[in-house]
Amino acid sequence: MMFAIFVVPLFIVKIAGVHPDGIGGLVLCKLVTGGSFSWFGAASSVVTLVAIAFERYNAVLYPFNNRGAFTKFKLKRTLKRNIMLKDYGLKRRETVDEELKERVRDLILQEICTDPDSLNGYRTMWHVLRLRHRINVPRRLVESLLIREVDPRGVEHRESRCLQRRTYVSPGPNFCWHMDGYDKLKPFGFSIHGCVDGFSRRILWHEVQRSNKNPRSVVSYFIKHVKAAHGCPVRVYTDPGTENGLVAGIQCYLRGEGLDEYAGSKSHKYVSSSKNQRIECQWSHYRKQRLSWWIDFFNDLHESDILDLTSDLQKEAIWFCFADLLQTDLNKVKEYWNSHRIRKSKHAIVSGVPDMMYFLPEDFGHTDCLVSISPHKFTEIENRFEGFDVEDDECNSVFHEYFQHVIDNNGLSNPTSIHEAGVLLRSLLSLQKVNSKFLSFWELVNHFHKGSPVYNGRRH
């Protein structure tokens, strides 16, 4: 009795669950095929039925197995969508009439030619057509119009996923001079000022000075090179610093009688560093190729306690020892850069040797843009700014006389190499001690300013 109560129901449940024609088989068939009958006639159990179902499922997905899970997901989604469309009697629009296609083409041209929508891809453009113009067309139509007809270059650029840089455009040499100062050596008492021709990238000058914020020094470089070129550039770009005020005034005065669109006040333009890329690019090359060595060298002197950067006297000593050598190094940089070959770039209109591009622009399909200057204007400027290239700081000349006096009276010589300059610097710093202490900055200035002998006749 107990056997019949417990065993018979279990047997019935087992048969119903494992037989293909049982409840489990019918449910599985319903889930797999959408029907209510068993189409696996040879299946002897639900387990076999499941195995056959998975085998057929994998056979369908086999071509997509090597394309990742996302591809298989898209396949499932597509199959499900097609089944739903078929169930409701719907289908995709296969063709679009030519009139609608022409209207879509005109609207796409209108969108990409007027505003930032020119950066849109076909998905965004398809949505814009639906949203703004109430036009519902297949997305593949918008894709084909953009790729093949309207904007193939834009599609190619978006597919590359690269940052699009602007191209520097210049009609020829001396169209624009880019001027700027460089302060990476300023903690050691050196400042650098430079100028580059925008078209040829030729370095016009690289000068080391005590301060590149002195308008007298900056304008002296400009006048010197205007005189050497027998004319001025069409435009000059500088940063909005006080040291460039005189250059801006002279450039506008020289171009005051011009008839072109950049004449007068438009011949000079204040720009930020990000807009003055020609000279900023040159500073980048100089930093990587030469300047890093100088920075490390002076930092080593400071960290070795040979040099005290808080002492004005010691900063004057390092200027006396290394200024000429640093200028010589800048001249080497200028000579190398102006004679090396600049390779082709998609961001530059010309490539070649800077000197050749500057002096022979006709060989590169361009013309020299130098603006001639009337003789009376140039004579007036020379007379007005005569002597601006002379150092106007009395203390600087005092220190130069002092260090030269120390060299002459202690059997030393002016350095011709970096090693000799380092030896001279250590000698000067040791000879500056009087009664076991350093002579102060203003004490030395007062001694020379009053005309008294150095150290009042004390022996060095």
Protein backbone atom coordinates (compact mmCIF):
# COMPACT_ATOMS: atom_id res chain seq x y z
CA MET A 1 0.00 0.00 0.00
CA MET A 2 2.76 2.41 0.96
CA PHE A 3 4.69 1.39 -2.19
CA ALA A 4 1.75 2.30 -4.40
CA ILE A 5 1.32 5.68 -2.67
CA PHE A 6 4.93 6.84 -3.09
CA VAL A 7 6.44 4.97 -6.07
CA VAL A 8 3.64 5.15 -8.65
CA PRO A 9 3.33 9.00 -8.62
CA LEU A 10 7.14 9.35 -8.90
CA PHE A 11 7.13 7.01 -11.91
CA ILE A 12 4.37 9.03 -13.55
CA VAL A 13 6.25 12.32 -12.97
CA LYS A 14 9.48 10.81 -14.34
CA ILE A 15 7.77 9.54 -17.49
CA ALA A 16 6.07 12.91 -18.03
CA GLY A 17 9.35 14.77 -17.59
CA VAL A 18 11.76 12.71 -19.65
CA HIS A 19 9.61 11.48 -22.53
CA PRO A 20 9.52 13.73 -25.63
CA ASP A 21 5.76 13.46 -25.80
CA GLY A 22 5.40 14.24 -22.13
CA ILE A 23 4.87 17.58 -20.43
CA GLY A 24 8.61 18.47 -20.44
CA GLY A 25 8.99 17.68 -24.12
CA LEU A 26 5.92 19.69 -25.06
CA VAL A 27 7.08 22.69 -23.01
CA LEU A 28 10.58 22.57 -24.53
CA CYS A 29 9.16 22.28 -28.04
CA LYS A 30 6.93 25.27 -27.33
CA LEU A 31 9.93 27.36 -26.18
CA VAL A 32 12.22 26.32 -29.02
CA THR A 33 9.90 26.20 -32.01
CA GLY A 34 6.89 28.21 -30.98
CA GLY A 35 4.71 25.13 -31.70
CA SER A 36 2.90 22.70 -29.42
CA PHE A 37 4.06 19.46 -30.98
CA SER A 38 7.23 17.43 -30.84
CA TRP A 39 9.27 17.62 -34.05
CA PHE A 40 12.11 15.48 -32.69
CA GLY A 41 10.65 12.12 -33.59
CA ALA A 42 13.89 10.24 -32.91
CA ALA A 43 14.40 11.76 -29.43
CA SER A 44 14.04 9.21 -26.66
CA SER A 45 14.11 11.67 -23.75
CA VAL A 46 14.02 15.34 -22.84
CA VAL A 47 17.81 15.25 -22.32
CA THR A 48 18.28 14.11 -25.92
CA LEU A 49 15.78 16.75 -27.00
CA VAL A 50 17.84 19.47 -25.29
CA ALA A 51 21.04 18.16 -26.90
CA ILE A 52 19.46 18.26 -30.37
CA ALA A 53 18.12 21.77 -29.74
CA PHE A 54 21.55 23.10 -28.70
CA GLU A 55 23.15 21.37 -31.69
CA ARG A 56 20.81 23.10 -34.10
CA TYR A 57 21.22 26.44 -32.25
CA ASN A 58 25.03 26.25 -32.53
CA ALA A 59 24.76 25.32 -36.21
CA VAL A 60 22.88 28.56 -36.83
CA LEU A 61 25.43 30.68 -34.90
CA TYR A 62 28.56 28.87 -36.12
CA PRO A 63 29.49 31.43 -38.81
CA PHE A 64 29.40 34.19 -36.15
CA ASN A 65 31.30 32.46 -33.33
CA ASN A 66 34.64 34.03 -34.28
CA ARG A 67 33.20 37.55 -34.40
CA GLY A 68 32.57 38.02 -30.71
CA ALA A 69 29.59 38.06 -28.41
CA PHE A 70 28.37 41.42 -29.71
CA THR A 71 27.86 40.00 -33.23
CA LYS A 72 25.84 37.09 -31.89
CA PHE A 73 23.78 39.52 -29.84
CA LYS A 74 23.02 41.56 -32.95
CA LEU A 75 22.02 38.36 -34.80
CA LYS A 76 19.56 37.40 -32.05
CA ARG A 77 18.14 40.92 -32.02
CA THR A 78 17.72 40.92 -35.81
CA LEU A 79 16.01 37.52 -35.84
CA LYS A 80 13.64 38.61 -33.09
CA ARG A 81 12.83 41.87 -34.88
CA ASN A 82 12.13 40.08 -38.18
CA ILE A 83 9.82 37.59 -36.46
CA MET A 84 7.89 40.44 -34.81
CA LEU A 85 7.57 42.36 -38.08
CA LYS A 86 6.32 39.22 -39.83
CA ASP A 87 3.79 38.54 -37.09
CA TYR A 88 2.30 42.03 -37.48
CA GLY A 89 2.44 42.02 -41.26
CA LEU A 90 5.04 44.82 -41.43
CA LYS A 91 8.09 45.17 -43.67
CA ARG A 92 10.86 47.67 -44.32
CA ARG A 93 10.61 50.24 -47.06
CA GLU A 94 12.78 48.89 -49.85
CA THR A 95 12.88 51.86 -52.22
CA VAL A 96 12.71 55.65 -51.95
CA ASP A 97 11.44 57.75 -54.83
CA GLU A 98 13.91 60.06 -56.55
CA GLU A 99 12.08 63.23 -55.52
CA LEU A 100 12.42 62.39 -51.82
CA LYS A 101 16.04 61.37 -52.33
CA GLU A 102 16.84 64.74 -53.94
CA ARG A 103 15.17 66.56 -51.07
CA VAL A 104 17.18 64.56 -48.53
CA ARG A 105 20.38 65.35 -50.43
CA ASP A 106 19.59 69.07 -50.45
CA LEU A 107 18.81 69.08 -46.74
CA ILE A 108 22.06 67.26 -45.92
CA LEU A 109 24.01 69.81 -47.97
CA GLN A 110 22.21 72.61 -46.17
CA GLU A 111 23.04 71.18 -42.76
CA ILE A 112 26.73 70.46 -43.35
CA CYS A 113 27.50 73.77 -45.07
CA THR A 114 26.19 76.25 -42.52
CA ASP A 115 27.06 75.26 -38.98
CA PRO A 116 28.82 72.68 -36.75
CA ASP A 117 26.48 70.02 -38.13
CA SER A 118 29.18 69.51 -40.76
CA LEU A 119 30.91 67.29 -38.18
CA ASN A 120 27.91 64.99 -37.83
CA GLY A 121 28.01 61.37 -38.95
CA TYR A 122 25.25 59.60 -40.81
CA ARG A 123 23.49 58.42 -37.61
CA THR A 124 23.28 61.95 -36.23
CA MET A 125 22.27 63.34 -39.62
CA TRP A 126 19.51 60.74 -39.93
CA HIS A 127 18.17 61.79 -36.54
CA VAL A 128 18.45 65.49 -37.48
CA LEU A 129 16.32 64.87 -40.58
CA ARG A 130 13.63 63.24 -38.48
CA LEU A 131 13.79 65.83 -35.70
CA ARG A 132 14.04 69.12 -37.60
CA HIS A 133 12.54 68.33 -41.00
CA ARG A 134 10.08 65.54 -40.14
CA ILE A 135 11.53 63.29 -42.86
CA ASN A 136 11.66 59.58 -42.14
CA VAL A 137 13.91 57.73 -44.57
CA PRO A 138 16.05 54.61 -44.18
CA ARG A 139 19.27 55.27 -42.35
CA ARG A 140 21.26 53.42 -44.99
CA LEU A 141 20.09 56.02 -47.53
CA VAL A 142 21.56 58.83 -45.43
CA GLU A 143 24.74 56.80 -45.04
CA SER A 144 25.12 56.25 -48.78
CA LEU A 145 24.46 59.92 -49.57
CA LEU A 146 27.06 61.11 -47.07
CA ILE A 147 29.74 58.57 -47.95
CA ARG A 148 29.44 58.55 -51.74
CA GLU A 149 28.09 61.94 -52.75
CA VAL A 150 27.88 64.75 -50.21
CA ASP A 151 30.81 64.53 -47.78
CA PRO A 152 33.18 61.62 -48.49
CA ARG A 153 36.21 63.43 -46.99
CA GLY A 154 34.36 64.14 -43.77
CA VAL A 155 33.34 60.50 -43.45
CA GLU A 156 36.94 59.41 -44.04
CA HIS A 157 38.17 61.82 -41.36
CA ARG A 158 35.62 60.62 -38.80
CA GLU A 159 36.52 57.00 -39.47
CA SER A 160 40.20 57.75 -38.77
CA ARG A 161 39.26 59.10 -35.32
CA CYS A 162 42.16 61.58 -35.42
CA LEU A 163 42.32 65.14 -34.14
CA GLN A 164 42.11 67.48 -37.12
CA ARG A 165 44.79 70.17 -36.98
CA ARG A 166 44.69 73.41 -38.89
CA THR A 167 47.20 74.09 -41.64
CA TYR A 168 49.46 77.15 -41.41
CA VAL A 169 48.97 79.22 -44.56
CA SER A 170 51.41 81.91 -45.70
CA PRO A 171 51.86 83.40 -49.19
CA GLY A 172 55.64 83.66 -48.86
CA PRO A 173 58.66 84.69 -46.75
CA ASN A 174 58.52 87.95 -44.81
CA PHE A 175 54.76 87.87 -44.74
CA CYS A 176 54.71 87.33 -40.99
CA TRP A 177 57.44 87.40 -38.34
CA HIS A 178 56.74 85.63 -35.07
CA MET A 179 58.54 87.07 -32.02
CA ASP A 180 58.66 85.79 -28.46
CA GLY A 181 60.83 85.55 -25.35
CA TYR A 182 61.96 82.38 -23.57
CA ASP A 183 62.37 82.28 -19.79
CA LYS A 184 63.49 78.74 -18.94
CA LEU A 185 66.98 80.00 -18.02
CA LYS A 186 65.71 83.07 -16.20
CA PRO A 187 66.33 81.57 -12.70
CA PHE A 188 70.04 81.56 -13.59
CA GLY A 189 70.09 85.12 -14.91
CA PHE A 190 69.67 84.44 -18.66
CA SER A 191 66.77 85.38 -20.91
CA ILE A 192 66.41 84.57 -24.60
CA HIS A 193 64.55 86.41 -27.32
CA GLY A 194 63.87 85.04 -30.78
CA CYS A 195 62.07 85.62 -34.05
CA VAL A 196 61.04 83.18 -36.79
CA ASP A 197 59.78 83.75 -40.32
CA GLY A 198 56.37 82.11 -40.57
CA PHE A 199 56.63 80.78 -44.13
CA SER A 200 60.13 79.30 -44.17
CA ARG A 201 60.49 78.71 -40.40
CA ARG A 202 63.90 80.37 -40.71
CA ILE A 203 65.33 81.71 -37.45
CA LEU A 204 65.94 85.44 -37.86
CA TRP A 205 67.53 85.91 -34.47
CA HIS A 206 68.18 84.13 -31.20
CA GLU A 207 69.69 86.49 -28.64
CA VAL A 208 70.61 85.95 -25.00
CA GLN A 209 70.15 88.92 -22.69
CA ARG A 210 69.68 89.73 -19.04
CA SER A 211 65.98 90.36 -19.48
CA ASN A 212 63.73 89.83 -22.47
CA LYS A 213 61.21 92.22 -20.92
CA ASN A 214 63.27 95.28 -21.87
CA PRO A 215 61.60 97.03 -24.84
CA ARG A 216 64.90 98.72 -25.77
CA SER A 217 66.61 95.40 -26.42
CA VAL A 218 63.68 93.90 -28.32
CA VAL A 219 63.27 96.91 -30.62
CA SER A 220 67.02 96.96 -31.31
CA TYR A 221 66.83 93.38 -32.65
CA PHE A 222 63.87 94.29 -34.83
CA ILE A 223 65.49 97.42 -36.30
CA LYS A 224 68.74 95.55 -36.94
CA HIS A 225 67.03 92.86 -39.01
CA VAL A 226 64.74 95.29 -40.82
CA LYS A 227 67.87 97.14 -41.88
CA ALA A 228 69.59 93.91 -42.98
CA ALA A 229 66.53 92.81 -44.99
CA HIS A 230 66.05 96.30 -46.54
CA GLY A 231 62.38 96.17 -45.64
CA CYS A 232 59.82 95.09 -43.09
CA PRO A 233 57.39 92.15 -43.00
CA VAL A 234 53.73 92.47 -43.88
CA ARG A 235 52.71 91.45 -40.34
CA VAL A 236 54.34 90.88 -36.96
CA TYR A 237 52.94 88.60 -34.26
CA THR A 238 53.96 89.13 -30.63
CA ASP A 239 52.52 88.35 -27.24
CA PRO A 240 50.80 91.22 -25.39
CA GLY A 241 53.81 92.13 -23.24
CA THR A 242 55.12 95.60 -22.47
CA GLU A 243 58.45 94.72 -24.10
CA ASN A 244 56.74 94.56 -27.51
CA GLY A 245 55.13 98.00 -27.44
CA LEU A 246 57.93 99.76 -29.34
CA VAL A 247 58.03 97.03 -31.99
CA ALA A 248 54.27 97.34 -32.49
CA GLY A 249 54.53 101.11 -32.92
CA ILE A 250 57.44 100.94 -35.38
CA GLN A 251 55.80 98.21 -37.48
CA CYS A 252 52.53 100.16 -37.75
CA TYR A 253 54.47 103.33 -38.63
CA LEU A 254 56.47 101.60 -41.36
CA ARG A 255 53.29 100.10 -42.84
CA GLY A 256 51.20 103.23 -42.41
CA GLU A 257 51.21 104.12 -46.11
CA GLY A 258 50.39 100.61 -47.34
CA LEU A 259 47.32 99.91 -49.46
CA ASP A 260 46.78 96.22 -48.69
CA GLU A 261 44.37 94.79 -46.15
CA TYR A 262 47.10 94.47 -43.49
CA ALA A 263 48.39 98.04 -43.72
CA GLY A 264 48.56 100.42 -40.79
CA SER A 265 47.41 99.15 -37.42
CA LYS A 266 46.62 95.70 -38.81
CA SER A 267 50.29 95.06 -39.59
CA HIS A 268 50.92 94.11 -35.96
CA LYS A 269 48.86 91.69 -33.92
CA TYR A 270 49.00 90.73 -30.26
CA VAL A 271 48.37 87.01 -29.88
CA SER A 272 48.60 84.43 -27.11
CA SER A 273 51.26 81.75 -27.06
CA SER A 274 48.82 79.17 -28.42
CA LYS A 275 48.29 81.38 -31.49
CA ASN A 276 52.01 82.07 -31.98
CA GLN A 277 52.86 78.49 -32.84
CA ARG A 278 55.78 79.10 -35.20
CA ILE A 279 58.08 80.49 -32.51
CA GLU A 280 56.61 78.23 -29.81
CA CYS A 281 57.45 75.20 -31.95
CA GLN A 282 61.00 76.50 -32.29
CA TRP A 283 61.30 76.82 -28.49
CA SER A 284 60.11 73.23 -28.17
CA HIS A 285 62.85 71.98 -30.51
CA TYR A 286 65.46 74.06 -28.70
CA ARG A 287 64.40 72.73 -25.31
CA LYS A 288 64.67 69.10 -26.42
CA GLN A 289 67.90 69.42 -28.38
CA ARG A 290 70.07 71.88 -26.41
CA LEU A 291 68.49 73.75 -23.54
CA SER A 292 67.86 70.77 -21.28
CA TRP A 293 71.63 70.28 -20.98
CA TRP A 294 72.15 73.88 -19.86
CA ILE A 295 69.35 73.67 -17.30
CA ASP A 296 70.79 70.47 -15.82
CA PHE A 297 74.28 72.00 -15.80
CA PHE A 298 73.26 75.12 -13.88
CA ASN A 299 71.09 73.08 -11.52
CA ASP A 300 74.10 70.87 -10.76
CA LEU A 301 76.13 73.96 -9.87
CA HIS A 302 73.37 75.10 -7.56
CA GLU A 303 72.78 71.72 -5.90
CA SER A 304 76.53 71.25 -5.39
CA ASP A 305 76.62 74.52 -3.40
CA ILE A 306 79.00 76.05 -5.92
CA LEU A 307 76.42 78.64 -6.92
CA ASP A 308 73.99 80.56 -4.73
CA LEU A 309 71.09 81.77 -6.84
CA THR A 310 69.91 84.12 -4.08
CA SER A 311 73.09 86.18 -4.40
CA ASP A 312 73.00 88.92 -7.02
CA LEU A 313 76.78 89.00 -7.10
CA GLN A 314 77.03 85.30 -7.93
CA LYS A 315 74.34 85.59 -10.60
CA GLU A 316 76.40 88.37 -12.17
CA ALA A 317 79.44 86.09 -12.02
CA ILE A 318 77.65 83.29 -13.86
CA TRP A 319 76.47 85.80 -16.47
CA PHE A 320 80.04 87.05 -16.97
CA CYS A 321 81.38 83.50 -17.40
CA PHE A 322 78.67 81.88 -19.52
CA ALA A 323 76.77 84.58 -21.45
CA ASP A 324 79.08 84.56 -24.49
CA LEU A 325 79.21 80.75 -24.54
CA LEU A 326 75.42 80.53 -24.40
CA GLN A 327 75.15 83.02 -27.26
CA THR A 328 77.64 80.94 -29.24
CA ASP A 329 75.47 77.89 -28.65
CA LEU A 330 72.39 79.80 -29.82
CA ASN A 331 74.26 80.76 -32.99
CA LYS A 332 75.02 77.07 -33.59
CA VAL A 333 71.34 76.24 -33.16
CA LYS A 334 70.41 78.97 -35.64
CA GLU A 335 73.02 77.81 -38.18
CA TYR A 336 71.93 74.18 -37.93
CA TRP A 337 68.20 74.87 -38.08
CA ASN A 338 68.40 77.24 -41.05
CA SER A 339 70.42 74.72 -43.08
CA HIS A 340 68.61 71.47 -42.24
CA ARG A 341 65.78 70.02 -44.31
CA ILE A 342 62.24 70.15 -42.93
CA ARG A 343 60.35 67.05 -44.02
CA LYS A 344 56.94 67.10 -45.62
CA SER A 345 53.95 67.43 -43.35
CA LYS A 346 50.22 67.55 -43.92
CA HIS A 347 50.11 70.53 -41.54
CA ALA A 348 52.55 72.67 -43.60
CA ILE A 349 52.19 74.05 -47.10
CA VAL A 350 55.89 73.78 -48.03
CA SER A 351 58.88 71.75 -46.94
CA GLY A 352 62.61 72.06 -47.53
CA VAL A 353 65.64 73.93 -46.21
CA PRO A 354 64.62 77.14 -44.35
CA ASP A 355 67.39 79.23 -45.94
CA MET A 356 66.36 78.11 -49.42
CA MET A 357 62.67 78.70 -48.76
CA TYR A 358 63.47 82.16 -47.39
CA PHE A 359 65.84 83.40 -50.11
CA LEU A 360 64.48 81.40 -53.09
CA PRO A 361 60.69 81.25 -52.60
CA GLU A 362 60.14 81.12 -56.38
CA ASP A 363 61.51 77.56 -56.40
CA PHE A 364 58.63 76.59 -54.10
CA GLY A 365 55.90 78.39 -56.01
CA HIS A 366 55.74 81.49 -53.78
CA THR A 367 56.98 85.08 -53.79
CA ASP A 368 58.84 87.27 -51.31
CA CYS A 369 56.39 89.47 -49.38
CA LEU A 370 58.98 91.93 -48.03
CA VAL A 371 57.66 95.50 -47.91
CA SER A 372 60.13 98.17 -48.98
CA ILE A 373 60.64 101.17 -46.71
CA SER A 374 61.16 104.75 -47.78
CA PRO A 375 64.69 106.03 -46.94
CA HIS A 376 63.49 108.97 -44.88
CA LYS A 377 61.36 106.73 -42.66
CA PHE A 378 64.19 104.36 -41.99
CA THR A 379 66.62 107.21 -41.27
CA GLU A 380 64.13 108.70 -38.85
CA ILE A 381 63.78 105.42 -36.97
CA GLU A 382 67.55 104.89 -36.81
CA ASN A 383 68.09 108.35 -35.37
CA ARG A 384 65.22 108.00 -32.92
CA PHE A 385 66.32 104.65 -31.52
CA GLU A 386 70.07 105.05 -31.81
CA GLY A 387 71.94 103.43 -28.92
CA PHE A 388 69.06 101.19 -27.84
CA ASP A 389 71.26 98.15 -28.36
CA VAL A 390 73.61 99.38 -25.60
CA GLU A 391 73.03 98.02 -22.10
CA ASP A 392 71.31 100.75 -20.10
CA ASP A 393 71.97 99.33 -16.63
CA GLU A 394 74.94 101.01 -14.95
CA CYS A 395 75.31 98.20 -12.41
CA ASN A 396 75.85 95.66 -15.17
CA SER A 397 78.79 97.58 -16.61
CA VAL A 398 80.21 97.95 -13.09
CA PHE A 399 80.14 94.21 -12.54
CA HIS A 400 81.73 93.58 -15.92
CA GLU A 401 84.56 95.97 -15.07
CA TYR A 402 84.99 94.35 -11.68
CA PHE A 403 85.24 90.79 -12.98
CA GLN A 404 87.56 91.86 -15.79
CA HIS A 405 89.77 93.59 -13.20
CA VAL A 406 89.90 90.38 -11.15
CA ILE A 407 90.90 88.38 -14.23
CA ASP A 408 93.64 90.83 -15.24
CA ASN A 409 95.17 90.98 -11.77
CA ASN A 410 95.09 87.27 -10.92
CA GLY A 411 96.54 85.63 -14.01
CA LEU A 412 93.15 84.39 -15.29
CA SER A 413 91.79 84.49 -18.83
CA ASN A 414 88.40 84.81 -20.47
CA PRO A 415 86.84 81.38 -21.11
CA THR A 416 86.58 79.82 -24.56
CA SER A 417 84.85 76.59 -23.50
CA ILE A 418 82.29 75.49 -20.95
CA HIS A 419 84.97 73.75 -18.89
CA GLU A 420 87.09 76.93 -18.75
CA ALA A 421 84.00 78.95 -17.83
CA GLY A 422 83.29 76.58 -14.92
CA VAL A 423 86.87 76.90 -13.65
CA LEU A 424 86.71 80.69 -13.96
CA LEU A 425 83.40 80.80 -12.08
CA ARG A 426 84.83 78.89 -9.13
CA SER A 427 87.91 81.15 -9.13
CA LEU A 428 85.82 84.32 -9.15
CA LEU A 429 83.59 83.06 -6.36
CA SER A 430 86.61 82.21 -4.21
CA LEU A 431 88.31 85.57 -4.92
CA GLN A 432 85.20 87.52 -3.94
CA LYS A 433 85.82 86.80 -0.29
CA VAL A 434 87.23 89.61 1.76
CA ASN A 435 88.10 88.91 5.37
CA SER A 436 86.31 85.53 5.10
CA LYS A 437 83.02 86.96 3.91
CA PHE A 438 81.43 87.84 0.59
CA LEU A 439 81.36 91.41 -0.55
CA SER A 440 77.77 92.58 -0.67
CA PHE A 441 76.02 93.58 -3.87
CA TRP A 442 75.57 97.27 -3.08
CA GLU A 443 78.98 97.60 -1.46
CA LEU A 444 80.63 96.63 -4.73
CA VAL A 445 78.42 99.05 -6.70
CA ASN A 446 79.27 101.90 -4.33
CA HIS A 447 83.00 101.19 -4.59
CA PHE A 448 83.01 101.48 -8.37
CA HIS A 449 80.42 104.25 -8.56
CA LYS A 450 82.61 106.50 -6.36
CA GLY A 451 85.69 105.69 -8.43
CA SER A 452 87.57 104.10 -5.54
CA PRO A 453 90.03 101.25 -6.20
CA VAL A 454 88.70 97.75 -6.05
CA TYR A 455 88.44 96.57 -2.45
CA ASN A 456 90.35 99.72 -1.43
CA GLY A 457 93.67 98.20 -2.47
CA ARG A 458 93.13 94.90 -0.70
CA ARG A 459 94.82 91.92 -2.20
CA HIS A 460 92.63 89.31 -3.90
